[in-house]
């Protein structure tokens, strides 16, 4: 199973007990919202594999302590160390207002002062600042910082994001 249609929730960072319990660093501002899961998908060499959860609780406010049905000892737990966990995208809670998930705005139009800048083709999230990668009307690519101060509105119905960018930002890239 591939990662398409799934979102990353965290990584197994260490063992908790000799009975196979694991600690997971959750990539969320609200790790507690993941304590009621029935299962997760773990990325193994063969792809995403479902693991069913026997017990899950918050551990020191930033980690989850999970006991999987299939993991019963330290040896089993060792085989999962540093593995990434995923959930289906349909489990993401809907966001409102100016907040959005990166995957949901691919293909949205980026608009400033009523004029189309271009279409969002990708999100670059590997550096210090996440960036919209926008294919402009002239076919050139523009990299636009994703910053709350620049985003005025996210219209999911019309698939557009209204922005107000610092003067000359678009022209710097030509």
C-alpha atoms as a PDB file:
ATOM      1  CA  UNK A   1       0.000   0.000   0.000  1.00  0.00           C
ATOM      2  CA  UNK A   2       1.434   3.405  -0.961  1.00  0.00           C
ATOM      3  CA  UNK A   3       1.340   6.658   1.023  1.00  0.00           C
ATOM      4  CA  UNK A   4      -1.021   8.354  -1.432  1.00  0.00           C
ATOM      5  CA  UNK A   5      -4.247   9.126   0.404  1.00  0.00           C
ATOM      6  CA  UNK A   6      -2.537   9.026   3.806  1.00  0.00           C
ATOM      7  CA  UNK A   7      -0.983  11.637   6.066  1.00  0.00           C
ATOM      8  CA  UNK A   8       2.023  11.405   8.375  1.00  0.00           C
ATOM      9  CA  UNK A   9       1.233  11.504  12.105  1.00  0.00           C
ATOM     10  CA  UNK A  10       4.527  10.664  13.757  1.00  0.00           C
ATOM     11  CA  UNK A  11       7.528   8.405  14.266  1.00  0.00           C
ATOM     12  CA  UNK A  12       8.284   5.584  16.678  1.00  0.00           C
ATOM     13  CA  UNK A  13      11.148   6.989  18.756  1.00  0.00           C
ATOM     14  CA  UNK A  14      11.838   4.378  21.453  1.00  0.00           C
ATOM     15  CA  UNK A  15      10.664   1.354  23.386  1.00  0.00           C
ATOM     16  CA  UNK A  16       8.784   1.846  26.630  1.00  0.00           C
ATOM     17  CA  UNK A  17       8.675  -1.643  28.124  1.00  0.00           C
ATOM     18  CA  UNK A  18       9.847  -5.213  27.618  1.00  0.00           C
ATOM     19  CA  UNK A  19       6.228  -6.090  26.695  1.00  0.00           C
ATOM     20  CA  UNK A  20       6.469  -4.295  23.340  1.00  0.00           C
ATOM     21  CA  UNK A  21       5.076  -0.875  24.211  1.00  0.00           C
ATOM     22  CA  UNK A  22       6.422   1.951  22.060  1.00  0.00           C
ATOM     23  CA  UNK A  23       6.703   5.727  22.330  1.00  0.00           C
ATOM     24  CA  UNK A  24       5.612   7.754  19.314  1.00  0.00           C
ATOM     25  CA  UNK A  25       6.521  11.386  18.694  1.00  0.00           C
ATOM     26  CA  UNK A  26       3.354  12.858  17.202  1.00  0.00           C
ATOM     27  CA  UNK A  27       3.626  15.647  14.622  1.00  0.00           C
ATOM     28  CA  UNK A  28       0.728  17.680  15.987  1.00  0.00           C
ATOM     29  CA  UNK A  29      -0.039  20.550  18.322  1.00  0.00           C
ATOM     30  CA  UNK A  30      -2.640  18.274  19.932  1.00  0.00           C
ATOM     31  CA  UNK A  31      -1.190  14.755  20.440  1.00  0.00           C
ATOM     32  CA  UNK A  32      -4.066  13.930  22.803  1.00  0.00           C
ATOM     33  CA  UNK A  33      -6.449  13.878  19.818  1.00  0.00           C
ATOM     34  CA  UNK A  34      -4.727  10.651  18.688  1.00  0.00           C
ATOM     35  CA  UNK A  35      -5.306   8.658  21.909  1.00  0.00           C
ATOM     36  CA  UNK A  36      -8.571   7.036  20.710  1.00  0.00           C
ATOM     37  CA  UNK A  37      -7.300   5.425  17.517  1.00  0.00           C
ATOM     38  CA  UNK A  38      -8.140   1.808  16.732  1.00  0.00           C
ATOM     39  CA  UNK A  39      -5.298   1.364  14.259  1.00  0.00           C
ATOM     40  CA  UNK A  40      -2.510   3.130  12.371  1.00  0.00           C
ATOM     41  CA  UNK A  41      -0.480   2.356   9.277  1.00  0.00           C
ATOM     42  CA  UNK A  42       3.254   1.857   9.739  1.00  0.00           C
ATOM     43  CA  UNK A  43       5.604   2.358   6.802  1.00  0.00           C
ATOM     44  CA  UNK A  44       7.602  -0.831   6.332  1.00  0.00           C
ATOM     45  CA  UNK A  45       9.767  -1.932   3.367  1.00  0.00           C
ATOM     46  CA  UNK A  46       6.663  -3.467   1.762  1.00  0.00           C
ATOM     47  CA  UNK A  47       4.633  -0.242   2.090  1.00  0.00           C
ATOM     48  CA  UNK A  48       2.015   0.872   4.610  1.00  0.00           C
ATOM     49  CA  UNK A  49       0.894  -1.943   6.897  1.00  0.00           C
ATOM     50  CA  UNK A  50      -2.042  -1.673   9.350  1.00  0.00           C
ATOM     51  CA  UNK A  51      -1.302  -2.231  13.041  1.00  0.00           C
ATOM     52  CA  UNK A  52      -4.149  -2.515  15.524  1.00  0.00           C
ATOM     53  CA  UNK A  53      -3.894  -0.690  18.833  1.00  0.00           C
ATOM     54  CA  UNK A  54      -4.525  -2.513  22.101  1.00  0.00           C
ATOM     55  CA  UNK A  55      -3.805   0.463  24.358  1.00  0.00           C
ATOM     56  CA  UNK A  56      -2.850   4.094  23.751  1.00  0.00           C
ATOM     57  CA  UNK A  57      -2.242   6.970  26.139  1.00  0.00           C
ATOM     58  CA  UNK A  58      -0.486  10.295  26.349  1.00  0.00           C
ATOM     59  CA  UNK A  59       3.048  10.093  27.748  1.00  0.00           C
ATOM     60  CA  UNK A  60       4.678  13.235  29.170  1.00  0.00           C
ATOM     61  CA  UNK A  61       2.381  15.493  27.104  1.00  0.00           C
ATOM     62  CA  UNK A  62       4.261  15.221  23.793  1.00  0.00           C
ATOM     63  CA  UNK A  63       4.463  11.476  23.132  1.00  0.00           C
ATOM     64  CA  UNK A  64       1.991   8.639  22.746  1.00  0.00           C
ATOM     65  CA  UNK A  65       2.602   5.340  24.512  1.00  0.00           C
ATOM     66  CA  UNK A  66       1.126   2.619  22.314  1.00  0.00           C
ATOM     67  CA  UNK A  67       0.739  -1.127  22.709  1.00  0.00           C
ATOM     68  CA  UNK A  68      -0.017  -2.813  19.369  1.00  0.00           C
ATOM     69  CA  UNK A  69      -1.808  -6.183  19.263  1.00  0.00           C
ATOM     70  CA  UNK A  70       0.939  -7.637  17.068  1.00  0.00           C
ATOM     71  CA  UNK A  71       3.914  -6.412  19.152  1.00  0.00           C
ATOM     72  CA  UNK A  72       4.451  -8.499  22.280  1.00  0.00           C
ATOM     73  CA  UNK A  73       8.143  -8.264  23.177  1.00  0.00           C
ATOM     74  CA  UNK A  74      11.293  -6.188  22.793  1.00  0.00           C
ATOM     75  CA  UNK A  75      12.359  -8.045  19.646  1.00  0.00           C
ATOM     76  CA  UNK A  76       9.074  -7.161  17.885  1.00  0.00           C
ATOM     77  CA  UNK A  77       9.388  -3.568  19.133  1.00  0.00           C
ATOM     78  CA  UNK A  78      12.998  -3.289  17.857  1.00  0.00           C
ATOM     79  CA  UNK A  79      11.829  -4.078  14.318  1.00  0.00           C
ATOM     80  CA  UNK A  80       9.588  -0.981  14.377  1.00  0.00           C
ATOM     81  CA  UNK A  81      12.068   1.553  15.736  1.00  0.00           C
ATOM     82  CA  UNK A  82      12.255   4.827  13.743  1.00  0.00           C
ATOM     83  CA  UNK A  83       9.312   3.809  11.529  1.00  0.00           C
ATOM     84  CA  UNK A  84       6.789   6.441  10.435  1.00  0.00           C
ATOM     85  CA  UNK A  85       3.055   6.212  11.193  1.00  0.00           C
ATOM     86  CA  UNK A  86       0.230   7.286   8.879  1.00  0.00           C
ATOM     87  CA  UNK A  87      -3.554   7.605   8.860  1.00  0.00           C
ATOM     88  CA  UNK A  88      -6.034   7.914   5.957  1.00  0.00           C
ATOM     89  CA  UNK A  89      -6.590  11.518   4.863  1.00  0.00           C
ATOM     90  CA  UNK A  90     -10.342  11.197   5.468  1.00  0.00           C
ATOM     91  CA  UNK A  91      -9.581  11.114   9.221  1.00  0.00           C
ATOM     92  CA  UNK A  92      -8.192  14.656   9.184  1.00  0.00           C
ATOM     93  CA  UNK A  93     -10.547  17.090  10.877  1.00  0.00           C
ATOM     94  CA  UNK A  94     -11.741  19.801   8.470  1.00  0.00           C
ATOM     95  CA  UNK A  95     -10.040  23.170   8.907  1.00  0.00           C
ATOM     96  CA  UNK A  96     -11.805  26.494   8.662  1.00  0.00           C
ATOM     97  CA  UNK A  97     -10.875  30.068   7.936  1.00  0.00           C
ATOM     98  CA  UNK A  98      -7.321  30.746   6.761  1.00  0.00           C
ATOM     99  CA  UNK A  99      -5.954  27.424   8.009  1.00  0.00           C
ATOM    100  CA  UNK A 100      -5.412  24.623   5.500  1.00  0.00           C
ATOM    101  CA  UNK A 101      -3.631  21.334   4.977  1.00  0.00           C
ATOM    102  CA  UNK A 102      -0.898  21.548   2.382  1.00  0.00           C
ATOM    103  CA  UNK A 103      -2.318  18.681   0.311  1.00  0.00           C
ATOM    104  CA  UNK A 104      -5.782  20.280   0.066  1.00  0.00           C
ATOM    105  CA  UNK A 105      -4.658  23.505  -1.689  1.00  0.00           C
ATOM    106  CA  UNK A 106      -2.773  21.889  -4.577  1.00  0.00           C
ATOM    107  CA  UNK A 107      -4.492  23.182  -7.718  1.00  0.00           C
ATOM    108  CA  UNK A 108      -5.940  26.262  -5.982  1.00  0.00           C
ATOM    109  CA  UNK A 109      -5.605  29.639  -7.702  1.00  0.00           C
ATOM    110  CA  UNK A 110      -3.465  32.247  -5.957  1.00  0.00           C
ATOM    111  CA  UNK A 111      -5.042  35.702  -6.301  1.00  0.00           C
ATOM    112  CA  UNK A 112      -3.763  39.173  -5.391  1.00  0.00           C
ATOM    113  CA  UNK A 113      -5.741  42.395  -5.909  1.00  0.00           C
ATOM    114  CA  UNK A 114      -8.312  40.485  -7.979  1.00  0.00           C
ATOM    115  CA  UNK A 115      -5.668  39.219 -10.418  1.00  0.00           C
ATOM    116  CA  UNK A 116      -4.627  35.607 -10.898  1.00  0.00           C
ATOM    117  CA  UNK A 117      -0.976  35.054  -9.987  1.00  0.00           C
ATOM    118  CA  UNK A 118      -1.170  31.392 -10.970  1.00  0.00           C
ATOM    119  CA  UNK A 119      -2.031  27.886  -9.767  1.00  0.00           C
ATOM    120  CA  UNK A 120      -0.444  26.182  -6.776  1.00  0.00           C
ATOM    121  CA  UNK A 121       1.397  23.134  -8.090  1.00  0.00           C
ATOM    122  CA  UNK A 122       3.240  21.995  -4.967  1.00  0.00           C
ATOM    123  CA  UNK A 123       4.156  22.974  -1.449  1.00  0.00           C
ATOM    124  CA  UNK A 124       7.843  23.042  -0.594  1.00  0.00           C
ATOM    125  CA  UNK A 125       8.116  22.247   3.081  1.00  0.00           C
ATOM    126  CA  UNK A 126      11.728  21.152   3.454  1.00  0.00           C
ATOM    127  CA  UNK A 127      13.360  24.423   4.472  1.00  0.00           C
ATOM    128  CA  UNK A 128      12.922  27.003   7.174  1.00  0.00           C
ATOM    129  CA  UNK A 129       9.874  28.518   5.432  1.00  0.00           C
ATOM    130  CA  UNK A 130       7.115  26.566   3.668  1.00  0.00           C
ATOM    131  CA  UNK A 131       6.538  27.855   0.138  1.00  0.00           C
ATOM    132  CA  UNK A 132       3.758  27.739  -2.442  1.00  0.00           C
ATOM    133  CA  UNK A 133       5.218  26.631  -5.770  1.00  0.00           C
ATOM    134  CA  UNK A 134       3.009  28.532  -8.205  1.00  0.00           C
ATOM    135  CA  UNK A 135       2.892  28.151 -11.984  1.00  0.00           C
ATOM    136  CA  UNK A 136       2.304  31.703 -13.160  1.00  0.00           C
ATOM    137  CA  UNK A 137       0.256  32.719 -16.199  1.00  0.00           C
ATOM    138  CA  UNK A 138       3.459  33.152 -18.223  1.00  0.00           C
ATOM    139  CA  UNK A 139       4.485  29.538 -17.470  1.00  0.00           C
ATOM    140  CA  UNK A 140       7.261  30.490 -15.045  1.00  0.00           C
ATOM    141  CA  UNK A 141       7.394  29.152 -11.503  1.00  0.00           C
ATOM    142  CA  UNK A 142       7.184  31.449  -8.501  1.00  0.00           C
ATOM    143  CA  UNK A 143       7.966  30.543  -4.908  1.00  0.00           C
ATOM    144  CA  UNK A 144       5.678  32.356  -2.477  1.00  0.00           C
ATOM    145  CA  UNK A 145       6.237  32.141   1.302  1.00  0.00           C
ATOM    146  CA  UNK A 146       3.297  30.647   3.186  1.00  0.00           C
ATOM    147  CA  UNK A 147       2.828  33.202   5.914  1.00  0.00           C
ATOM    148  CA  UNK A 148      -0.302  34.061   7.910  1.00  0.00           C
ATOM    149  CA  UNK A 149       0.256  37.786   7.323  1.00  0.00           C
ATOM    150  CA  UNK A 150       0.149  37.293   3.513  1.00  0.00           C
ATOM    151  CA  UNK A 151      -3.000  35.126   3.388  1.00  0.00           C
ATOM    152  CA  UNK A 152      -6.234  37.101   3.495  1.00  0.00           C
ATOM    153  CA  UNK A 153      -8.727  34.349   2.631  1.00  0.00           C
ATOM    154  CA  UNK A 154      -8.902  30.657   1.760  1.00  0.00           C
ATOM    155  CA  UNK A 155     -11.999  29.909  -0.333  1.00  0.00           C
ATOM    156  CA  UNK A 156     -12.383  26.132  -0.547  1.00  0.00           C
ATOM    157  CA  UNK A 157     -15.579  26.317  -2.619  1.00  0.00           C
ATOM    158  CA  UNK A 158     -13.940  28.394  -5.370  1.00  0.00           C
ATOM    159  CA  UNK A 159     -10.519  26.751  -4.855  1.00  0.00           C
ATOM    160  CA  UNK A 160      -8.646  30.013  -4.432  1.00  0.00           C
ATOM    161  CA  UNK A 161      -6.404  31.717  -1.917  1.00  0.00           C
ATOM    162  CA  UNK A 162      -6.454  35.511  -1.730  1.00  0.00           C
ATOM    163  CA  UNK A 163      -3.098  37.008  -0.721  1.00  0.00           C
ATOM    164  CA  UNK A 164      -1.510  40.396  -0.163  1.00  0.00           C
ATOM    165  CA  UNK A 165       2.210  40.042  -0.817  1.00  0.00           C
ATOM    166  CA  UNK A 166       5.008  42.459  -0.018  1.00  0.00           C
ATOM    167  CA  UNK A 167       5.660  44.826  -2.915  1.00  0.00           C
ATOM    168  CA  UNK A 168       7.860  43.383  -5.631  1.00  0.00           C
ATOM    169  CA  UNK A 169       7.989  39.828  -4.269  1.00  0.00           C
ATOM    170  CA  UNK A 170       6.662  38.288  -7.480  1.00  0.00           C
ATOM    171  CA  UNK A 171       8.949  40.441  -9.661  1.00  0.00           C
ATOM    172  CA  UNK A 172      12.062  39.337  -7.721  1.00  0.00           C
ATOM    173  CA  UNK A 173      11.732  35.899  -9.277  1.00  0.00           C
ATOM    174  CA  UNK A 174      11.535  36.942 -12.933  1.00  0.00           C
END
